[in-house]
Protein backbone atom coordinates (compact mmCIF):
# COMPACT_ATOMS: atom_id res chain seq x y z
CA MET A 1 6.46 -5.68 -7.72
CA GLY A 2 10.11 -4.45 -7.91
CA ALA A 3 13.31 -5.38 -9.79
CA ALA A 4 16.93 -7.07 -9.42
CA ILE A 5 19.70 -5.15 -11.02
CA ARG A 6 23.13 -3.73 -10.74
CA LEU A 7 24.36 -0.62 -9.00
CA SER A 8 24.94 0.53 -12.63
CA GLU A 9 21.55 -0.06 -13.96
CA ILE A 10 20.08 2.42 -11.19
CA PRO A 11 19.93 5.84 -12.95
CA ALA A 12 17.88 3.73 -15.59
CA TYR A 13 15.44 2.29 -13.36
CA ILE A 14 15.15 5.04 -10.37
CA ASP A 15 11.74 6.92 -11.33
CA TRP A 16 10.54 3.78 -11.83
CA LEU A 17 11.30 2.34 -8.46
CA VAL A 18 10.54 5.68 -6.08
CA ALA A 19 7.25 6.47 -8.14
CA ASP A 20 5.90 3.37 -5.88
CA GLN A 21 8.73 2.88 -3.73
CA ARG A 22 9.02 -0.35 -5.26
CA ASP A 23 11.04 -3.64 -4.14
CA LEU A 24 15.05 -3.67 -5.20
CA GLU A 25 17.68 -6.34 -4.91
CA ILE A 26 21.35 -5.28 -5.90
CA GLN A 27 22.92 -8.37 -7.46
CA ASP A 28 26.62 -7.18 -7.73
CA PRO A 29 27.97 -9.28 -5.15
CA GLY A 30 26.85 -12.60 -7.18
CA TYR A 31 29.39 -11.33 -10.28
CA PRO A 32 33.05 -13.62 -9.98
CA ASP A 33 35.63 -11.73 -8.04
CA TYR A 34 33.18 -8.44 -7.80
CA LEU A 35 33.68 -8.90 -4.09
CA ASP A 36 37.56 -8.64 -4.18
CA SER A 37 37.27 -5.51 -5.85
CA ASP A 38 37.23 -2.19 -4.73
CA TRP A 39 33.57 -1.88 -4.73
CA HIS A 40 32.73 0.99 -1.68
CA ALA A 41 32.85 3.91 -4.20
CA GLU A 42 30.03 2.32 -6.30
CA ALA A 43 28.33 1.55 -3.19
CA GLU A 44 27.92 4.84 -1.86
CA ALA A 45 27.29 6.28 -4.93
CA GLY A 46 24.03 3.93 -5.05
CA ARG A 47 22.99 4.32 -2.24
CA ASP A 48 23.14 8.26 -2.06
CA LEU A 49 21.56 8.20 -5.66
CA LEU A 50 18.51 6.42 -4.08
CA VAL A 51 18.62 8.29 -0.62
CA SER A 52 18.63 11.22 -2.70
CA ARG A 53 15.65 10.87 -4.68
CA GLY A 54 13.58 9.72 -1.78
CA TYR A 55 13.45 5.91 -2.04
CA ARG A 56 12.02 4.12 0.70
CA GLY A 57 11.34 0.71 -0.33
CA ARG A 58 12.60 -2.62 0.44
CA LEU A 59 16.21 -3.14 -0.15
CA GLY A 60 18.13 -6.40 -0.59
CA ILE A 61 21.04 -7.89 -2.22
CA HIS A 62 22.07 -11.08 -4.08
CA ALA A 63 24.89 -12.70 -1.99
CA ALA A 64 27.65 -14.57 -3.95
CA TYR A 65 27.05 -17.90 -4.80
CA ASP A 66 29.14 -19.24 -7.67
CA GLY A 67 31.05 -22.48 -6.16
CA LEU A 68 29.40 -21.89 -2.54
CA ASP A 69 27.35 -25.14 -2.13
CA LEU A 70 26.39 -24.73 1.42
CA PHE A 71 25.83 -28.93 1.31
CA THR A 72 29.44 -29.63 2.21
CA HIS A 73 31.20 -31.18 6.22
CA ASP A 74 34.58 -29.73 4.52
CA ARG A 75 35.63 -27.45 7.19
CA LYS A 76 37.84 -25.33 4.81
CA VAL A 77 35.38 -25.44 2.31
CA ARG A 78 32.89 -24.07 4.78
CA GLU A 79 35.76 -21.07 5.75
CA VAL A 80 35.49 -20.07 2.31
CA ILE A 81 31.55 -19.93 2.03
CA GLN A 82 31.55 -17.91 5.28
CA THR A 83 34.23 -15.55 3.78
CA ARG A 84 32.15 -14.83 0.86
CA TYR A 85 28.95 -14.04 2.65
CA LEU A 86 30.13 -12.10 5.07
CA GLN A 87 31.80 -10.06 2.40
CA SER A 88 28.38 -9.75 1.12
CA LEU A 89 26.44 -8.76 4.26
CA GLU A 90 29.38 -6.26 4.32
CA PHE A 91 28.48 -4.92 0.81
CA GLY A 92 24.91 -5.19 2.18
CA ALA A 93 25.34 -2.96 5.25
CA ALA A 94 26.61 -0.53 2.96
CA LEU A 95 22.96 0.02 1.48
CA ASN A 96 21.24 -0.72 4.34
CA ALA A 97 20.02 -4.32 2.71
CA THR A 98 17.49 -5.59 4.52
CA HIS A 99 17.63 -9.10 2.85
CA MET A 100 20.01 -11.39 1.30
CA VAL A 101 19.51 -14.27 -1.26
CA ILE A 102 21.85 -17.20 -0.66
CA HIS A 103 21.00 -20.76 -2.37
CA SER A 104 19.18 -23.54 -1.47
CA PRO A 105 21.78 -26.50 -0.80
CA PHE A 106 18.95 -29.26 -1.84
CA VAL A 107 21.17 -30.19 -4.92
CA ALA A 108 21.60 -33.93 -5.85
CA PHE A 109 20.83 -36.86 -8.83
CA GLY A 110 17.77 -38.60 -8.06
CA SER A 111 14.52 -37.80 -7.05
CA ALA A 112 13.90 -35.50 -4.05
CA PHE A 113 12.19 -38.12 -2.11
CA ALA A 114 15.19 -40.73 -2.11
CA ASN A 115 17.26 -38.30 -1.64
CA TYR A 116 15.85 -35.96 0.81
CA SER A 117 13.38 -38.41 2.85
CA PRO A 118 14.02 -37.23 6.85
CA ALA A 119 14.81 -41.21 6.84
CA SER A 120 17.52 -40.56 4.17
CA GLY A 121 19.79 -37.40 4.06
CA ARG A 122 17.73 -34.19 4.79
CA LYS A 123 19.22 -33.78 8.50
CA TRP A 124 22.93 -34.39 6.80
CA VAL A 125 21.93 -31.46 4.40
CA ILE A 126 20.47 -29.47 7.38
CA ASP A 127 23.58 -30.11 9.69
CA ALA A 128 26.07 -28.90 6.88
CA THR A 129 24.01 -25.80 6.21
CA HIS A 130 23.58 -24.93 9.91
CA ALA A 131 27.21 -25.21 10.38
CA ALA A 132 28.20 -22.93 6.98
CA LEU A 133 25.49 -20.19 8.17
CA GLU A 134 27.07 -20.37 12.62
CA LYS A 135 29.15 -17.01 11.55
CA VAL A 136 26.90 -15.57 9.51
CA LEU A 137 23.14 -15.24 10.77
CA PRO A 138 24.37 -13.22 14.15
CA ILE A 139 25.99 -10.66 11.33
CA ALA A 140 22.80 -10.84 9.40
CA GLN A 141 20.70 -10.30 12.48
CA GLN A 142 22.74 -7.29 13.72
CA GLN A 143 22.27 -5.82 10.68
CA ASN A 144 18.39 -6.45 10.39
CA CYS A 145 19.08 -8.62 7.34
CA THR A 146 17.02 -11.58 6.52
CA LEU A 147 18.48 -14.38 4.97
CA VAL A 148 16.36 -15.33 2.42
CA ILE A 149 17.07 -19.27 1.26
CA GLU A 150 15.92 -19.37 -2.73
CA CYS A 151 14.79 -23.12 -4.59
CA ILE A 152 17.60 -24.38 -7.13
CA MET A 153 17.19 -27.29 -8.23
CA ASP A 154 14.77 -28.18 -5.70
CA LYS A 155 11.93 -30.79 -6.58
CA SER A 156 9.82 -30.42 -3.40
CA PRO A 157 9.11 -27.84 -1.25
CA PHE A 158 9.32 -29.69 2.16
CA PRO A 159 12.92 -30.31 2.87
CA LEU A 160 13.86 -26.49 2.47
CA ILE A 161 10.29 -25.75 4.49
CA GLU A 162 11.73 -27.90 7.00
CA LEU A 163 15.71 -26.14 7.17
CA VAL A 164 13.97 -23.00 7.53
CA ARG A 165 12.15 -23.65 9.69
CA SER A 166 14.98 -25.52 11.88
CA PHE A 167 16.75 -21.95 12.02
CA GLN A 168 13.68 -20.87 14.20
CA SER A 169 14.54 -17.01 13.19
CA ASP A 170 12.94 -14.46 11.83
CA HIS A 171 15.99 -13.82 10.05
CA VAL A 172 15.42 -17.11 7.74
CA ARG A 173 13.01 -16.90 5.45
CA LEU A 174 11.99 -18.76 2.28
CA SER A 175 13.13 -17.54 -1.69
CA ILE A 176 11.20 -19.21 -4.62
CA ASP A 177 12.86 -18.29 -8.33
CA THR A 178 9.48 -18.91 -10.43
CA GLY A 179 11.88 -20.60 -13.31
CA HIS A 180 13.84 -22.75 -10.97
CA ALA A 181 10.55 -24.12 -9.65
CA PHE A 182 8.90 -24.61 -13.22
CA ILE A 183 12.05 -26.54 -14.61
CA MET A 184 12.27 -28.82 -11.90
CA ALA A 185 8.33 -28.95 -11.85
CA GLN A 186 8.75 -30.63 -15.64
CA ASP A 187 10.70 -33.80 -13.77
CA GLY A 188 8.38 -33.86 -11.12
CA GLY A 189 8.57 -31.44 -8.68
CA ALA A 190 6.21 -28.51 -7.83
CA PRO A 191 5.35 -25.92 -9.70
CA PRO A 192 5.78 -22.03 -8.89
CA HIS A 193 2.57 -21.97 -7.31
CA GLN A 194 2.72 -24.88 -5.23
CA TRP A 195 5.74 -23.49 -3.95
CA VAL A 196 3.57 -20.56 -2.46
CA LEU A 197 0.85 -22.56 -1.35
CA GLU A 198 3.66 -24.78 0.62
CA GLY A 199 5.78 -21.90 1.78
CA GLY A 200 2.80 -19.65 2.80
CA ASP A 201 3.59 -17.10 5.58
CA LEU A 202 7.53 -18.40 5.19
CA LEU A 203 7.81 -16.71 1.95
CA GLU A 204 9.61 -13.65 1.93
CA HIS A 205 11.06 -13.10 -1.22
CA VAL A 206 10.67 -13.71 -4.62
CA HIS A 207 12.34 -13.98 -8.36
CA VAL A 208 10.17 -13.28 -10.97
CA GLN A 209 11.37 -14.84 -14.27
CA ASP A 210 9.40 -17.18 -17.07
CA VAL A 211 11.46 -20.05 -18.87
CA ASP A 212 10.58 -22.42 -21.52
CA GLY A 213 11.36 -25.53 -18.68
CA HIS A 214 14.18 -26.10 -20.91
CA ALA A 215 16.62 -23.83 -19.44
CA ASP A 216 17.11 -21.00 -16.86
CA ARG A 217 16.13 -18.43 -19.47
CA HIS A 218 15.36 -15.16 -17.41
CA TRP A 219 12.84 -14.25 -19.92
CA ALA A 220 10.49 -11.48 -20.07
CA VAL A 221 7.07 -12.33 -18.02
CA GLY A 222 5.07 -14.15 -20.66
CA ASP A 223 7.45 -14.98 -23.01
CA GLY A 224 7.87 -18.63 -21.44
CA ASN A 225 5.18 -21.26 -20.25
CA ILE A 226 4.63 -20.24 -16.19
CA ASN A 227 1.15 -20.23 -15.48
CA TRP A 228 1.26 -16.83 -13.72
CA PHE A 229 -2.51 -16.86 -12.98
CA ALA A 230 -2.19 -19.28 -11.02
CA PHE A 231 0.81 -17.94 -9.21
CA PHE A 232 -0.09 -14.48 -8.43
CA ARG A 233 -3.50 -16.20 -7.47
CA ALA A 234 -1.75 -18.35 -4.84
CA LEU A 235 0.35 -15.01 -3.69
CA ARG A 236 -3.11 -13.22 -3.16
CA ALA A 237 -4.01 -15.66 -0.85
CA LEU A 238 -1.24 -15.20 1.78
CA GLU A 239 -1.67 -13.01 4.53
CA HIS A 240 1.46 -10.67 3.82
CA SER A 241 3.07 -9.43 0.95
CA PRO A 242 6.36 -11.18 -0.15
CA ARG A 243 9.21 -8.99 -1.45
CA LEU A 244 8.54 -9.26 -5.59
CA VAL A 245 11.27 -8.30 -8.25
CA LEU A 246 11.73 -8.96 -11.69
CA GLU A 247 15.15 -11.06 -12.35
CA VAL A 248 14.87 -10.89 -16.44
CA GLN A 249 16.52 -9.46 -19.33
CA GLU A 250 13.98 -7.61 -19.86
CA VAL A 251 12.57 -5.67 -16.99
CA MET A 252 10.53 -3.18 -18.15
CA ARG A 253 8.49 -5.47 -20.94
CA SER A 254 7.93 -8.12 -18.32
CA PHE A 255 6.54 -5.46 -15.88
CA GLN A 256 4.01 -4.08 -18.86
CA TRP A 257 2.88 -7.77 -19.24
CA LEU A 258 1.64 -8.23 -15.68
CA GLN A 259 0.33 -4.75 -15.54
CA ARG A 260 -1.71 -5.13 -18.77
CA ASN A 261 -3.13 -8.39 -17.22
CA GLY A 262 -4.13 -6.63 -14.37
CA LEU A 263 -1.78 -9.33 -11.92
CA VAL A 264 0.37 -6.05 -10.77
CA ARG A 265 0.74 -2.02 -9.84
């Protein structure tokens, strides 16, 4: 179990991260206008600190996402998405990142079946996503950086799973956000542990956070209503180890709760 944090927070967690070579995700590109700032010196300092302290864990980043809806057939909007993703990859390259989180395009009113069944709209979304990532995926592959597509307002795992499979690439994989999945489960969607079971070998990355089901809280684990025992039981059934990062307001309290309950080390 690792953490999703900003570059400025690395010093606070460096000992914990290095001791067990924990998964790490740097989230600065997701903050508005960050990629237009002079971030290079900050990224270099963060990388140097990690290297100097002997960090060898799995490191990734969260891409820019504000307003970047992959489900677009507008050429100009697509160009903006590509620009921001390529900027995010440039940031990731400075840190030698090997994963980059992007957001699912399956966002719409109504039931998941009505909007994204194979007969009524799924291919339309998949085609738009391929077009948006046409210039992005080759760069990610060159950098050995896997694009992990995170469930956002997805009720059903199956459209997103089909999207991931459609790329036929080891550099496109599934990401689960436990809080997002739980919120959508309140409206008939799949709960977090079911996403793990359905994702199987495609699951590469997990944002671990707790919620009450009403909003995207990012509460400490144990403060919300997610069934963590079912979730980690599903993870243990996998034949591989997805990247697990705490994306919460209180990283260490969340980690200690999970550790106390025998779910992580």
